Each structure stands twice: as C-alpha cells, then as structure tokens.
Amino acid sequence: MLAETLAPSATYVHCDVSKEEEVENLVRSTVSRYGQLDIMFNNAGVLGNQSKNKSIINFDPEEFDKVMSVNVKGMALGIKHAARVMIPKGIGCIISTASVAGVMGGLGPHAYTASKHAIVGLTKNTACELGRYGIRVNCISPFGVATNMLVNAWKSGGGDDDDDDQGDEGIINFGLPYQEEVEKMEGFVRGLANLQGATLRAKDIAEAALYLASDESKYVSGHNLVVDGGVTPQKLHWFVTFYLVYCFP
C-alpha cells in the first residue's frame, strides 16, 4: 500500500466521495492527526459506462446520476468540508481535477463531459466566495493521461471503469501487457497534441497540482489550469470530435 510506503508522512482513509459522512470523516481525521488542513486535492472521478452514454438518444438517467454523484457532488462535498476548517485559519488551498472535456465538446461521454464542465464552474464560483477568507480555489484540466481508467476504456470501448478489467499481473484482460496498452494510448495522445517532443503523464498533472498548492501560485485563484499540449487552442476540434465519436472502439 502506498500509505505504508510513505508512512508516517501519509495516512490512508477509506472514503466514498459521494457520501457526505465519509468526506466529513476524511477531513476531520486529517485535522485530528495533523492539526490543520492546508491543501485539499479533490481528485476522485469516474468515466462512467460508455455504452450507456455514447448517444444522447440512449440517455440513461441512472448512469448520469452515478457519474454526477462522484464527479460533481463529490467535488462539492470536498470543497465544503475543506472550507469549513480552512475559514477559521484564514488561509487554504483547494484543488479539483476537471478535464479538457470541460473545456470543449467531443472528448468523452455526455455525463462525464457535463460533470467536468460543472467542476470548472464550481471552481470559479467557490473561488469568488472563499477568496475573502484567504482560500484559493483552482482546478486542473488534463488531456488524456494513460491511467488505468482511461486505458481500459480506450481498449474496451465501453463498460464500467472499475479495476475488474485488469488482472492480478497488471495485465488488462485483452491478451496484451498493460504497459503495451499504455504506450499505445500515449502514442494516440501525442498524435493529437500540438506540442511535440513531450508525453503527458500522471507526473505532469502532479506537478501542476504542486504548483497550485505552493506559494508560487499565491495570487492564482478561480483558475482552470489546462494541461493539454495545446490541443484545445488549435483548430482541430472537428477531428478530435469525429475520431472520439465515430472511431472510438
């Protein structure tokens, strides 16, 4: 377990972000153990079942609620309970993970895309409210990072994004090593990016979060930091949309 590797600097607390009592317990236990909460990084999210969200004419309200419960309600609860303990201190930093799917259309299922747009809006609105207390609120919008969730979805072309599709050996159950699928996904992302000579990885998003959490960004609030290799500014939207809607497995 990662927490055991990093101990005593890290503590694991089980938390279903869609349940308020668990988010509240997470914040309470953090303050109890470390004395205060300086930074809250809301990073939990789900892609949802692509087969139920690919076309709006097959809209599934239950699946939509599931995605919004984690991606939006979970973020709002994280901001709420972090703010409650940060306000008395007069300082704090709250970061949430959004997506380029919250900046432009055609990059994901409808429920996922709607949820990521909501995160960007929630970030800007709460930054307006909490700024008077010295609390900064920002979000990060990555392009495609070859995480387990995205690689499994990219390979399978549907189904839940649970870890059930990945075997005990770190191999996705499609007959190919997990690392090979990661490399394919990274190659696809590089092909769409405007910025050449670099590959987007989870570490890059971690570095973006560290920047927003640090004093280097002490005057940055209400900002959506887009980490996409120049995908969203370029006039390539039609190609990205066409590929993901019509060619996505």
C-alpha atoms as a PDB file:
ATOM      1  CA  MET A   1       0.000   0.000   0.000  1.00  0.00           C
ATOM      2  CA  LEU A   2       1.261   3.463  -0.916  1.00  0.00           C
ATOM      3  CA  ALA A   3       0.429   4.891   2.519  1.00  0.00           C
ATOM      4  CA  GLU A   4       2.613   2.246   4.171  1.00  0.00           C
ATOM      5  CA  THR A   5       5.491   3.103   1.842  1.00  0.00           C
ATOM      6  CA  LEU A   6       5.226   6.810   2.645  1.00  0.00           C
ATOM      7  CA  ALA A   7       4.480   6.415   6.364  1.00  0.00           C
ATOM      8  CA  PRO A   8       4.474   8.382   8.609  1.00  0.00           C
ATOM      9  CA  SER A   9       4.047  11.156   6.028  1.00  0.00           C
ATOM     10  CA  ALA A  10       0.860   9.636   4.601  1.00  0.00           C
ATOM     11  CA  THR A  11      -2.262   8.126   6.119  1.00  0.00           C
ATOM     12  CA  TYR A  12      -4.866   6.048   4.288  1.00  0.00           C
ATOM     13  CA  VAL A  13      -8.519   6.794   4.974  1.00  0.00           C
ATOM     14  CA  HIS A  14     -11.216   4.932   3.035  1.00  0.00           C
ATOM     15  CA  CYS A  15     -13.628   7.441   1.521  1.00  0.00           C
ATOM     16  CA  ASP A  16     -16.558   7.217  -0.876  1.00  0.00           C
ATOM     17  CA  VAL A  17     -16.715  10.842  -2.008  1.00  0.00           C
ATOM     18  CA  SER A  18     -20.387  10.543  -2.949  1.00  0.00           C
ATOM     19  CA  LYS A  19     -21.244  10.081   0.749  1.00  0.00           C
ATOM     20  CA  GLU A  20     -21.042  13.248   2.828  1.00  0.00           C
ATOM     21  CA  GLU A  21     -20.376  11.500   6.130  1.00  0.00           C
ATOM     22  CA  GLU A  22     -17.276   9.833   4.664  1.00  0.00           C
ATOM     23  CA  VAL A  23     -15.902  13.085   3.231  1.00  0.00           C
ATOM     24  CA  GLU A  24     -16.551  14.809   6.549  1.00  0.00           C
ATOM     25  CA  ASN A  25     -14.770  11.980   8.366  1.00  0.00           C
ATOM     26  CA  LEU A  26     -11.796  12.269   5.996  1.00  0.00           C
ATOM     27  CA  VAL A  27     -11.366  15.967   6.763  1.00  0.00           C
ATOM     28  CA  ARG A  28     -11.989  15.502  10.477  1.00  0.00           C
ATOM     29  CA  SER A  29      -9.439  12.677  10.763  1.00  0.00           C
ATOM     30  CA  THR A  30      -6.864  14.740   8.853  1.00  0.00           C
ATOM     31  CA  VAL A  31      -7.248  17.712  11.195  1.00  0.00           C
ATOM     32  CA  SER A  32      -7.178  15.394  14.202  1.00  0.00           C
ATOM     33  CA  ARG A  33      -3.927  13.765  13.092  1.00  0.00           C
ATOM     34  CA  TYR A  34      -2.048  16.729  11.603  1.00  0.00           C
ATOM     35  CA  GLY A  35      -3.576  19.687  13.443  1.00  0.00           C
ATOM     36  CA  GLN A  36      -4.948  21.502  10.382  1.00  0.00           C
ATOM     37  CA  LEU A  37      -5.804  21.165   6.706  1.00  0.00           C
ATOM     38  CA  ASP A  38      -3.724  23.332   4.378  1.00  0.00           C
ATOM     39  CA  ILE A  39      -4.458  21.750   0.986  1.00  0.00           C
ATOM     40  CA  MET A  40      -7.420  19.766  -0.322  1.00  0.00           C
ATOM     41  CA  PHE A  41      -6.977  17.974  -3.659  1.00  0.00           C
ATOM     42  CA  ASN A  42     -10.272  16.588  -4.971  1.00  0.00           C
ATOM     43  CA  ASN A  43      -9.020  14.005  -7.435  1.00  0.00           C
ATOM     44  CA  ALA A  44     -11.643  11.229  -7.402  1.00  0.00           C
ATOM     45  CA  GLY A  45     -13.606  10.700 -10.595  1.00  0.00           C
ATOM     46  CA  VAL A  46     -15.257   8.128 -12.851  1.00  0.00           C
ATOM     47  CA  LEU A  47     -15.679   7.970 -16.611  1.00  0.00           C
ATOM     48  CA  GLY A  48     -18.933   6.052 -16.444  1.00  0.00           C
ATOM     49  CA  ASN A  49     -20.314   3.356 -18.701  1.00  0.00           C
ATOM     50  CA  GLN A  50     -19.575   4.498 -22.240  1.00  0.00           C
ATOM     51  CA  SER A  51     -22.132   2.177 -23.801  1.00  0.00           C
ATOM     52  CA  LYS A  52     -24.873   3.965 -21.843  1.00  0.00           C
ATOM     53  CA  ASN A  53     -23.663   7.484 -22.594  1.00  0.00           C
ATOM     54  CA  LYS A  54     -22.369   7.414 -26.149  1.00  0.00           C
ATOM     55  CA  SER A  55     -25.547   8.810 -27.723  1.00  0.00           C
ATOM     56  CA  ILE A  56     -27.923  11.286 -26.129  1.00  0.00           C
ATOM     57  CA  ILE A  57     -30.874   9.404 -27.640  1.00  0.00           C
ATOM     58  CA  ASN A  58     -29.948   6.498 -25.366  1.00  0.00           C
ATOM     59  CA  PHE A  59     -29.545   8.742 -22.306  1.00  0.00           C
ATOM     60  CA  ASP A  60     -29.552   6.696 -19.085  1.00  0.00           C
ATOM     61  CA  PRO A  61     -30.641   8.817 -16.073  1.00  0.00           C
ATOM     62  CA  GLU A  62     -29.336   6.267 -13.568  1.00  0.00           C
ATOM     63  CA  GLU A  63     -25.878   6.226 -15.141  1.00  0.00           C
ATOM     64  CA  PHE A  64     -25.897  10.025 -15.343  1.00  0.00           C
ATOM     65  CA  ASP A  65     -26.679  10.275 -11.625  1.00  0.00           C
ATOM     66  CA  LYS A  66     -23.881   7.829 -10.814  1.00  0.00           C
ATOM     67  CA  VAL A  67     -21.281   9.897 -12.673  1.00  0.00           C
ATOM     68  CA  MET A  68     -22.520  13.216 -11.294  1.00  0.00           C
ATOM     69  CA  SER A  69     -22.631  11.816  -7.758  1.00  0.00           C
ATOM     70  CA  VAL A  70     -18.893  11.137  -7.794  1.00  0.00           C
ATOM     71  CA  ASN A  71     -17.568  13.775 -10.176  1.00  0.00           C
ATOM     72  CA  VAL A  72     -19.644  16.774  -9.083  1.00  0.00           C
ATOM     73  CA  LYS A  73     -21.279  16.028  -5.744  1.00  0.00           C
ATOM     74  CA  GLY A  74     -18.012  14.520  -4.512  1.00  0.00           C
ATOM     75  CA  MET A  75     -16.078  17.643  -5.502  1.00  0.00           C
ATOM     76  CA  ALA A  76     -18.658  19.935  -3.893  1.00  0.00           C
ATOM     77  CA  LEU A  77     -18.532  17.961  -0.646  1.00  0.00           C
ATOM     78  CA  GLY A  78     -14.741  18.087  -0.648  1.00  0.00           C
ATOM     79  CA  ILE A  79     -14.771  21.850  -1.111  1.00  0.00           C
ATOM     80  CA  LYS A  80     -17.492  22.268   1.530  1.00  0.00           C
ATOM     81  CA  HIS A  81     -15.749  20.395   4.320  1.00  0.00           C
ATOM     82  CA  ALA A  82     -12.290  21.702   3.455  1.00  0.00           C
ATOM     83  CA  ALA A  83     -13.620  25.268   3.534  1.00  0.00           C
ATOM     84  CA  ARG A  84     -15.237  24.711   6.927  1.00  0.00           C
ATOM     85  CA  VAL A  85     -11.897  24.010   8.581  1.00  0.00           C
ATOM     86  CA  MET A  86      -9.882  26.476   6.473  1.00  0.00           C
ATOM     87  CA  ILE A  87     -12.074  29.549   7.044  1.00  0.00           C
ATOM     88  CA  PRO A  88     -11.168  29.939  10.750  1.00  0.00           C
ATOM     89  CA  LYS A  89      -7.461  29.802   9.786  1.00  0.00           C
ATOM     90  CA  GLY A  90      -7.866  32.482   7.123  1.00  0.00           C
ATOM     91  CA  ILE A  91      -5.840  30.526   4.575  1.00  0.00           C
ATOM     92  CA  GLY A  92      -6.055  27.383   2.470  1.00  0.00           C
ATOM     93  CA  CYS A  93      -5.818  25.878  -0.984  1.00  0.00           C
ATOM     94  CA  ILE A  94      -8.438  23.709  -2.696  1.00  0.00           C
ATOM     95  CA  ILE A  95      -7.711  21.975  -5.999  1.00  0.00           C
ATOM     96  CA  SER A  96     -10.032  19.800  -8.089  1.00  0.00           C
ATOM     97  CA  THR A  97      -9.389  17.665 -11.149  1.00  0.00           C
ATOM     98  CA  ALA A  98     -11.517  18.683 -14.124  1.00  0.00           C
ATOM     99  CA  SER A  99     -10.678  17.756 -17.748  1.00  0.00           C
ATOM    100  CA  VAL A 100     -10.308  19.176 -21.222  1.00  0.00           C
ATOM    101  CA  ALA A 101     -13.754  17.586 -21.656  1.00  0.00           C
ATOM    102  CA  GLY A 102     -14.886  20.522 -19.521  1.00  0.00           C
ATOM    103  CA  VAL A 103     -13.327  22.990 -21.964  1.00  0.00           C
ATOM    104  CA  MET A 104     -14.559  21.643 -25.321  1.00  0.00           C
ATOM    105  CA  GLY A 105     -17.010  19.068 -26.582  1.00  0.00           C
ATOM    106  CA  GLY A 106     -16.414  15.710 -28.219  1.00  0.00           C
ATOM    107  CA  LEU A 107     -13.845  14.377 -25.776  1.00  0.00           C
ATOM    108  CA  GLY A 108     -15.917  11.987 -23.700  1.00  0.00           C
ATOM    109  CA  PRO A 109     -19.336  10.539 -22.840  1.00  0.00           C
ATOM    110  CA  HIS A 110     -22.110  13.056 -22.207  1.00  0.00           C
ATOM    111  CA  ALA A 111     -22.400  12.508 -18.446  1.00  0.00           C
ATOM    112  CA  TYR A 112     -18.633  12.738 -17.976  1.00  0.00           C
ATOM    113  CA  THR A 113     -18.414  15.882 -20.119  1.00  0.00           C
ATOM    114  CA  ALA A 114     -21.274  17.541 -18.249  1.00  0.00           C
ATOM    115  CA  SER A 115     -19.646  16.704 -14.920  1.00  0.00           C
ATOM    116  CA  LYS A 116     -16.319  18.215 -15.918  1.00  0.00           C
ATOM    117  CA  HIS A 117     -17.951  21.429 -17.129  1.00  0.00           C
ATOM    118  CA  ALA A 118     -19.670  21.569 -13.745  1.00  0.00           C
ATOM    119  CA  ILE A 119     -16.356  21.267 -11.907  1.00  0.00           C
ATOM    120  CA  VAL A 120     -14.911  24.244 -13.788  1.00  0.00           C
ATOM    121  CA  GLY A 121     -17.991  26.316 -12.937  1.00  0.00           C
ATOM    122  CA  LEU A 122     -17.987  25.187  -9.307  1.00  0.00           C
ATOM    123  CA  THR A 123     -14.316  26.115  -9.018  1.00  0.00           C
ATOM    124  CA  LYS A 124     -14.869  29.645 -10.309  1.00  0.00           C
ATOM    125  CA  ASN A 125     -17.937  30.206  -8.137  1.00  0.00           C
ATOM    126  CA  THR A 126     -16.419  28.924  -4.905  1.00  0.00           C
ATOM    127  CA  ALA A 127     -13.244  30.915  -5.584  1.00  0.00           C
ATOM    128  CA  CYS A 128     -15.426  34.040  -5.595  1.00  0.00           C
ATOM    129  CA  GLU A 129     -16.988  33.101  -2.257  1.00  0.00           C
ATOM    130  CA  LEU A 130     -13.910  31.829  -0.432  1.00  0.00           C
ATOM    131  CA  GLY A 131     -11.392  34.426  -1.574  1.00  0.00           C
ATOM    132  CA  ARG A 132     -12.478  36.774   1.222  1.00  0.00           C
ATOM    133  CA  TYR A 133     -11.209  34.165   3.687  1.00  0.00           C
ATOM    134  CA  GLY A 134      -7.806  33.844   2.037  1.00  0.00           C
ATOM    135  CA  ILE A 135      -8.700  30.491   0.468  1.00  0.00           C
ATOM    136  CA  ARG A 136      -7.632  29.839  -3.115  1.00  0.00           C
ATOM    137  CA  VAL A 137      -9.734  27.502  -5.283  1.00  0.00           C
ATOM    138  CA  ASN A 138      -8.460  26.194  -8.624  1.00  0.00           C
ATOM    139  CA  CYS A 139      -8.830  23.189 -10.907  1.00  0.00           C
ATOM    140  CA  ILE A 140      -6.678  21.279 -13.384  1.00  0.00           C
ATOM    141  CA  SER A 141      -7.887  20.114 -16.800  1.00  0.00           C
ATOM    142  CA  PRO A 142      -5.643  17.390 -18.235  1.00  0.00           C
ATOM    143  CA  PHE A 143      -5.832  15.939 -21.727  1.00  0.00           C
ATOM    144  CA  GLY A 144      -5.579  12.152 -21.990  1.00  0.00           C
ATOM    145  CA  VAL A 145      -3.345  10.597 -19.334  1.00  0.00           C
ATOM    146  CA  ALA A 146      -2.801   6.852 -19.671  1.00  0.00           C
ATOM    147  CA  THR A 147      -4.315   5.906 -16.324  1.00  0.00           C
ATOM    148  CA  ASN A 148      -5.891   2.503 -15.675  1.00  0.00           C
ATOM    149  CA  MET A 149      -9.353   4.024 -16.105  1.00  0.00           C
ATOM    150  CA  LEU A 150      -8.682   5.644 -19.467  1.00  0.00           C
ATOM    151  CA  VAL A 151      -6.605   2.808 -20.916  1.00  0.00           C
ATOM    152  CA  ASN A 152      -9.277   0.249 -20.009  1.00  0.00           C
ATOM    153  CA  ALA A 153     -11.991   2.446 -21.510  1.00  0.00           C
ATOM    154  CA  TRP A 154      -9.945   3.102 -24.641  1.00  0.00           C
ATOM    155  CA  LYS A 155      -9.318  -0.599 -25.138  1.00  0.00           C
ATOM    156  CA  SER A 156     -12.748  -1.924 -24.254  1.00  0.00           C
ATOM    157  CA  GLY A 157     -14.832   0.846 -25.762  1.00  0.00           C
ATOM    158  CA  GLY A 158     -17.450   0.556 -23.041  1.00  0.00           C
ATOM    159  CA  GLY A 159     -18.445  -0.843 -19.681  1.00  0.00           C
ATOM    160  CA  ASP A 160     -17.682   0.368 -16.201  1.00  0.00           C
ATOM    161  CA  ASP A 161     -14.302   1.849 -15.374  1.00  0.00           C
ATOM    162  CA  ASP A 162     -13.767  -0.427 -12.380  1.00  0.00           C
ATOM    163  CA  ASP A 163     -10.498  -2.265 -11.927  1.00  0.00           C
ATOM    164  CA  ASP A 164     -12.207  -5.586 -12.728  1.00  0.00           C
ATOM    165  CA  ASP A 165     -10.838  -5.386 -16.270  1.00  0.00           C
ATOM    166  CA  GLN A 166      -7.283  -5.561 -15.001  1.00  0.00           C
ATOM    167  CA  GLY A 167      -5.728  -8.820 -13.875  1.00  0.00           C
ATOM    168  CA  ASP A 168      -3.553  -9.513 -10.865  1.00  0.00           C
ATOM    169  CA  GLU A 169      -0.433  -9.357 -13.006  1.00  0.00           C
ATOM    170  CA  GLY A 170      -1.081  -5.787 -14.117  1.00  0.00           C
ATOM    171  CA  ILE A 171      -2.421  -7.097 -17.430  1.00  0.00           C
ATOM    172  CA  ILE A 172      -5.674  -5.953 -18.959  1.00  0.00           C
ATOM    173  CA  ASN A 173      -7.819  -8.934 -19.896  1.00  0.00           C
ATOM    174  CA  PHE A 174      -7.431  -8.410 -23.627  1.00  0.00           C
ATOM    175  CA  GLY A 175      -4.298 -10.522 -24.079  1.00  0.00           C
ATOM    176  CA  LEU A 176      -1.797  -7.656 -24.145  1.00  0.00           C
ATOM    177  CA  PRO A 177       0.522  -6.429 -21.390  1.00  0.00           C
ATOM    178  CA  TYR A 178      -0.720  -3.354 -19.593  1.00  0.00           C
ATOM    179  CA  GLN A 179       2.437  -1.410 -20.463  1.00  0.00           C
ATOM    180  CA  GLU A 180       1.862  -2.040 -24.149  1.00  0.00           C
ATOM    181  CA  GLU A 181      -1.628  -0.576 -23.875  1.00  0.00           C
ATOM    182  CA  VAL A 182      -0.229   2.433 -22.001  1.00  0.00           C
ATOM    183  CA  GLU A 183       2.264   3.065 -24.796  1.00  0.00           C
ATOM    184  CA  LYS A 184      -0.478   2.835 -27.423  1.00  0.00           C
ATOM    185  CA  MET A 185      -2.614   5.314 -25.510  1.00  0.00           C
ATOM    186  CA  GLU A 186       0.306   7.705 -25.060  1.00  0.00           C
ATOM    187  CA  GLY A 187       1.064   7.480 -28.770  1.00  0.00           C
ATOM    188  CA  PHE A 188      -2.527   8.365 -29.617  1.00  0.00           C
ATOM    189  CA  VAL A 189      -2.426  11.393 -27.304  1.00  0.00           C
ATOM    190  CA  ARG A 190       0.911  12.554 -28.749  1.00  0.00           C
ATOM    191  CA  GLY A 191      -0.602  12.378 -32.221  1.00  0.00           C
ATOM    192  CA  LEU A 192      -3.373  14.810 -31.274  1.00  0.00           C
ATOM    193  CA  ALA A 193      -1.277  17.252 -29.280  1.00  0.00           C
ATOM    194  CA  ASN A 194       0.052  20.433 -30.852  1.00  0.00           C
ATOM    195  CA  LEU A 195       3.118  20.391 -28.591  1.00  0.00           C
ATOM    196  CA  GLN A 196       5.660  17.924 -29.954  1.00  0.00           C
ATOM    197  CA  GLY A 197       8.536  16.190 -28.172  1.00  0.00           C
ATOM    198  CA  ALA A 198       6.682  15.533 -24.909  1.00  0.00           C
ATOM    199  CA  THR A 199       4.364  12.877 -23.500  1.00  0.00           C
ATOM    200  CA  LEU A 200       1.653  13.711 -20.974  1.00  0.00           C
ATOM    201  CA  ARG A 201       1.912  11.534 -17.882  1.00  0.00           C
ATOM    202  CA  ALA A 202       0.390  11.492 -14.403  1.00  0.00           C
ATOM    203  CA  LYS A 203       3.550  13.090 -13.004  1.00  0.00           C
ATOM    204  CA  ASP A 204       2.872  16.190 -15.108  1.00  0.00           C
ATOM    205  CA  ILE A 205      -0.546  16.580 -13.514  1.00  0.00           C
ATOM    206  CA  ALA A 206       1.008  16.075 -10.089  1.00  0.00           C
ATOM    207  CA  GLU A 207       3.487  18.867 -10.865  1.00  0.00           C
ATOM    208  CA  ALA A 208       0.598  21.138 -11.889  1.00  0.00           C
ATOM    209  CA  ALA A 209      -1.150  20.373  -8.599  1.00  0.00           C
ATOM    210  CA  LEU A 210       2.037  21.080  -6.660  1.00  0.00           C
ATOM    211  CA  TYR A 211       2.314  24.453  -8.382  1.00  0.00           C
ATOM    212  CA  LEU A 212      -1.265  25.382  -7.479  1.00  0.00           C
ATOM    213  CA  ALA A 213      -0.708  24.194  -3.906  1.00  0.00           C
ATOM    214  CA  SER A 214       2.522  26.150  -3.470  1.00  0.00           C
ATOM    215  CA  ASP A 215       3.273  29.779  -2.665  1.00  0.00           C
ATOM    216  CA  GLU A 216       4.452  30.139  -6.270  1.00  0.00           C
ATOM    217  CA  SER A 217       0.760  30.499  -7.149  1.00  0.00           C
ATOM    218  CA  LYS A 218      -0.241  32.585  -4.122  1.00  0.00           C
ATOM    219  CA  TYR A 219      -2.189  35.048  -6.305  1.00  0.00           C
ATOM    220  CA  VAL A 220      -3.863  32.426  -8.502  1.00  0.00           C
ATOM    221  CA  SER A 221      -7.497  31.620  -7.721  1.00  0.00           C
ATOM    222  CA  GLY A 222     -10.559  30.722  -9.766  1.00  0.00           C
ATOM    223  CA  HIS A 223      -8.257  29.392 -12.475  1.00  0.00           C
ATOM    224  CA  ASN A 224      -8.636  26.314 -14.662  1.00  0.00           C
ATOM    225  CA  LEU A 225      -5.080  25.177 -15.434  1.00  0.00           C
ATOM    226  CA  VAL A 226      -5.305  23.350 -18.765  1.00  0.00           C
ATOM    227  CA  VAL A 227      -2.540  20.776 -19.294  1.00  0.00           C
ATOM    228  CA  ASP A 228      -3.208  19.568 -22.818  1.00  0.00           C
ATOM    229  CA  GLY A 229      -0.178  20.143 -25.046  1.00  0.00           C
ATOM    230  CA  GLY A 230      -2.072  22.824 -26.959  1.00  0.00           C
ATOM    231  CA  VAL A 231      -4.995  20.622 -28.031  1.00  0.00           C
ATOM    232  CA  THR A 232      -7.858  22.934 -27.072  1.00  0.00           C
ATOM    233  CA  PRO A 233      -6.472  26.178 -28.618  1.00  0.00           C
ATOM    234  CA  GLN A 234      -5.800  24.645 -32.022  1.00  0.00           C
ATOM    235  CA  LYS A 235      -8.440  24.394 -34.717  1.00  0.00           C
ATOM    236  CA  LEU A 236      -8.523  20.620 -34.558  1.00  0.00           C
ATOM    237  CA  HIS A 237     -11.785  20.273 -32.667  1.00  0.00           C
ATOM    238  CA  TRP A 238     -13.654  18.718 -35.577  1.00  0.00           C
ATOM    239  CA  PHE A 239     -11.051  15.947 -35.952  1.00  0.00           C
ATOM    240  CA  VAL A 240     -10.922  15.126 -32.258  1.00  0.00           C
ATOM    241  CA  THR A 241     -14.706  15.054 -32.066  1.00  0.00           C
ATOM    242  CA  PHE A 242     -15.039  12.923 -35.214  1.00  0.00           C
ATOM    243  CA  TYR A 243     -12.432  10.438 -34.002  1.00  0.00           C
ATOM    244  CA  LEU A 244     -13.825  10.010 -30.495  1.00  0.00           C
ATOM    245  CA  VAL A 245     -17.478   9.861 -31.518  1.00  0.00           C
ATOM    246  CA  TYR A 246     -17.187   7.714 -34.632  1.00  0.00           C
ATOM    247  CA  CYS A 247     -13.877   5.878 -34.339  1.00  0.00           C
ATOM    248  CA  PHE A 248     -13.555   5.288 -30.588  1.00  0.00           C
ATOM    249  CA  PRO A 249     -13.658   1.496 -30.124  1.00  0.00           C
END
